[in-house]
C-alpha atoms as a PDB file:
ATOM      1  CA  MET A   1    -215.470 157.832 -14.841  1.00  0.00           C
ATOM      2  CA  LEU A   2    -218.074 155.009 -13.327  1.00  0.00           C
ATOM      3  CA  SER A   3    -217.997 152.796 -16.087  1.00  0.00           C
ATOM      4  CA  TRP A   4    -214.181 152.529 -15.852  1.00  0.00           C
ATOM      5  CA  LEU A   5    -214.680 151.851 -12.099  1.00  0.00           C
ATOM      6  CA  ILE A   6    -217.156 148.945 -12.959  1.00  0.00           C
ATOM      7  CA  GLN A   7    -214.485 147.567 -15.357  1.00  0.00           C
ATOM      8  CA  ASP A   8    -211.741 147.989 -12.788  1.00  0.00           C
ATOM      9  CA  ALA A   9    -213.493 145.800 -10.563  1.00  0.00           C
ATOM     10  CA  PHE A  10    -215.046 143.079 -12.327  1.00  0.00           C
ATOM     11  CA  ALA A  11    -211.949 142.904 -15.070  1.00  0.00           C
ATOM     12  CA  GLY A  12    -211.070 138.826 -15.582  1.00  0.00           C
ATOM     13  CA  MET A  13    -214.453 137.888 -13.853  1.00  0.00           C
ATOM     14  CA  TRP A  14    -216.580 137.339 -16.527  1.00  0.00           C
ATOM     15  CA  ALA A  15    -215.665 134.086 -17.164  1.00  0.00           C
ATOM     16  CA  THR A  16    -216.186 132.904 -13.704  1.00  0.00           C
ATOM     17  CA  ILE A  17    -219.682 135.056 -13.516  1.00  0.00           C
ATOM     18  CA  TRP A  18    -220.950 133.318 -16.651  1.00  0.00           C
ATOM     19  CA  GLN A  19    -220.119 129.748 -15.480  1.00  0.00           C
ATOM     20  CA  TRP A  20    -221.098 130.190 -11.957  1.00  0.00           C
ATOM     21  CA  GLY A  21    -224.406 132.206 -13.109  1.00  0.00           C
ATOM     22  CA  LEU A  22    -225.419 129.543 -16.195  1.00  0.00           C
ATOM     23  CA  GLY A  23    -224.631 126.742 -13.073  1.00  0.00           C
ATOM     24  CA  ILE A  24    -227.065 128.787 -10.328  1.00  0.00           C
ATOM     25  CA  GLY A  25    -230.052 129.633 -13.442  1.00  0.00           C
ATOM     26  CA  MET A  26    -229.753 125.738 -14.971  1.00  0.00           C
ATOM     27  CA  LEU A  27    -229.425 124.524 -10.841  1.00  0.00           C
ATOM     28  CA  ILE A  28    -232.835 126.871 -10.318  1.00  0.00           C
ATOM     29  CA  ILE A  29    -234.342 125.710 -13.110  1.00  0.00           C
ATOM     30  CA  CYS A  30    -233.941 121.948 -12.366  1.00  0.00           C
ATOM     31  CA  LEU A  31    -235.538 122.481  -8.780  1.00  0.00           C
ATOM     32  CA  VAL A  32    -238.344 124.521  -9.902  1.00  0.00           C
ATOM     33  CA  LEU A  33    -239.291 121.609 -12.453  1.00  0.00           C
ATOM     34  CA  ALA A  34    -238.840 119.266  -9.963  1.00  0.00           C
ATOM     35  CA  TYR A  35    -241.477 120.967  -7.738  1.00  0.00           C
ATOM     36  CA  VAL A  36    -244.093 121.749 -10.500  1.00  0.00           C
ATOM     37  CA  SER A  37    -243.700 118.614 -12.890  1.00  0.00           C
ATOM     38  CA  PRO A  38    -245.754 115.765 -11.580  1.00  0.00           C
ATOM     39  CA  ILE A  39    -243.581 113.699 -14.448  1.00  0.00           C
ATOM     40  CA  GLY A  40    -239.924 114.537 -14.250  1.00  0.00           C
ATOM     41  CA  ARG A  41    -239.353 114.873 -10.557  1.00  0.00           C
ATOM     42  CA  LYS A  42    -236.931 112.478 -10.425  1.00  0.00           C
ATOM     43  CA  ASP A  43    -234.576 113.338 -13.537  1.00  0.00           C
ATOM     44  CA  CYS A  44    -235.232 117.002 -12.591  1.00  0.00           C
ATOM     45  CA  LEU A  45    -233.734 116.222  -9.188  1.00  0.00           C
ATOM     46  CA  LEU A  46    -230.803 114.575 -10.395  1.00  0.00           C
ATOM     47  CA  ALA A  47    -229.820 116.828 -13.100  1.00  0.00           C
ATOM     48  CA  ALA A  48    -229.991 119.429 -10.199  1.00  0.00           C
ATOM     49  CA  VAL A  49    -227.633 117.160  -8.472  1.00  0.00           C
ATOM     50  CA  ALA A  50    -225.315 116.677 -10.881  1.00  0.00           C
ATOM     51  CA  ILE A  51    -225.257 120.461 -11.681  1.00  0.00           C
ATOM     52  CA  ALA A  52    -224.671 121.282  -7.905  1.00  0.00           C
ATOM     53  CA  ILE A  53    -221.838 118.473  -7.777  1.00  0.00           C
ATOM     54  CA  ALA A  54    -220.356 120.087 -11.326  1.00  0.00           C
ATOM     55  CA  LEU A  55    -220.371 123.396  -9.439  1.00  0.00           C
ATOM     56  CA  ILE A  56    -218.377 122.197  -6.410  1.00  0.00           C
ATOM     57  CA  ALA A  57    -215.927 120.287  -8.766  1.00  0.00           C
ATOM     58  CA  MET A  58    -215.415 123.889 -10.562  1.00  0.00           C
ATOM     59  CA  GLU A  59    -214.567 125.736  -7.327  1.00  0.00           C
ATOM     60  CA  ILE A  60    -211.977 123.002  -6.451  1.00  0.00           C
ATOM     61  CA  GLY A  61    -209.766 122.972  -9.537  1.00  0.00           C
ATOM     62  CA  ARG A  62    -210.129 126.863  -8.992  1.00  0.00           C
ATOM     63  CA  ARG A  63    -209.003 126.898  -5.832  1.00  0.00           C
ATOM     64  CA  GLN A  64    -206.311 124.295  -6.516  1.00  0.00           C
ATOM     65  CA  GLU A  65    -205.168 126.108  -9.462  1.00  0.00           C
ATOM     66  CA  HIS A  66    -204.905 129.288  -7.799  1.00  0.00           C
ATOM     67  CA  ALA A  67    -202.804 127.629  -5.001  1.00  0.00           C
ATOM     68  CA  HIS A  68    -200.319 126.274  -7.678  1.00  0.00           C
ATOM     69  CA  TYR A  69    -199.988 129.797  -9.498  1.00  0.00           C
ATOM     70  CA  ALA A  70    -199.302 131.443  -5.875  1.00  0.00           C
ATOM     71  CA  ALA A  71    -196.403 128.630  -5.308  1.00  0.00           C
ATOM     72  CA  GLN A  72    -195.102 129.122  -8.510  1.00  0.00           C
ATOM     73  CA  GLN A  73    -194.755 132.970  -8.025  1.00  0.00           C
ATOM     74  CA  ALA A  74    -193.472 132.253  -4.660  1.00  0.00           C
ATOM     75  CA  LEU A  75    -190.622 130.156  -6.135  1.00  0.00           C
ATOM     76  CA  VAL A  76    -190.210 132.962  -8.721  1.00  0.00           C
ATOM     77  CA  SER A  77    -189.650 136.072  -6.092  1.00  0.00           C
ATOM     78  CA  ARG A  78    -187.691 133.683  -4.302  1.00  0.00           C
ATOM     79  CA  THR A  79    -185.616 132.997  -7.576  1.00  0.00           C
ATOM     80  CA  VAL A  80    -185.599 136.547  -8.610  1.00  0.00           C
ATOM     81  CA  LYS A  81    -184.144 138.195  -4.907  1.00  0.00           C
ATOM     82  CA  ALA A  82    -181.827 135.268  -4.405  1.00  0.00           C
ATOM     83  CA  ALA A  83    -179.813 136.555  -7.972  1.00  0.00           C
ATOM     84  CA  VAL A  84    -180.704 140.084  -6.963  1.00  0.00           C
ATOM     85  CA  LYS A  85    -178.351 139.637  -3.564  1.00  0.00           C
ATOM     86  CA  LYS A  86    -175.988 137.527  -5.863  1.00  0.00           C
ATOM     87  CA  ALA A  87    -175.568 140.658  -8.515  1.00  0.00           C
ATOM     88  CA  GLU A  88    -174.946 143.431  -5.786  1.00  0.00           C
ATOM     89  CA  GLY A  89    -171.923 142.401  -4.351  1.00  0.00           C
ATOM     90  CA  PRO A  90    -168.794 143.888  -4.062  1.00  0.00           C
ATOM     91  CA  GLY A  91    -167.504 142.168  -7.248  1.00  0.00           C
ATOM     92  CA  THR A  92    -169.847 143.821  -9.129  1.00  0.00           C
ATOM     93  CA  LYS A  93    -169.648 147.170  -7.429  1.00  0.00           C
ATOM     94  CA  LYS A  94    -165.752 147.274  -8.643  1.00  0.00           C
ATOM     95  CA  TRP A  95    -166.547 146.542 -12.488  1.00  0.00           C
ATOM     96  CA  ARG A  96    -166.930 149.695 -15.238  1.00  0.00           C
ATOM     97  CA  ASP A  97    -168.870 148.836 -17.506  1.00  0.00           C
ATOM     98  CA  PRO A  98    -167.006 149.975 -20.728  1.00  0.00           C
ATOM     99  CA  TRP A  99    -169.625 151.970 -22.508  1.00  0.00           C
ATOM    100  CA  ASP A 100    -171.088 154.266 -19.803  1.00  0.00           C
ATOM    101  CA  ARG A 101    -170.316 157.888 -19.981  1.00  0.00           C
ATOM    102  CA  LYS A 102    -169.800 160.797 -17.289  1.00  0.00           C
ATOM    103  CA  ASN A 103    -171.504 163.407 -19.534  1.00  0.00           C
ATOM    104  CA  TYR A 104    -174.719 161.372 -20.190  1.00  0.00           C
END
């Protein structure tokens, strides 16, 4: 049961966790190398800044994608509700389905 709860909680999240975990891990490694290494300090700091910018850009893209999908879902919901309301008119209630049988 516990494994099911864990799987349910993280369903579909592993790709995001991998991307953020890998990016943050590389960022930490670059910062530690910049602090420890006297030779490649500037290069490690530059790499850390590039990784941070990439992570920020990835998050902005994820939020824009979510907003895009939410707008699509709202449009589909409105279209379906309008079609259902149109199909529930008095004209559809008068129409008799020839395949309907009372004994089924």
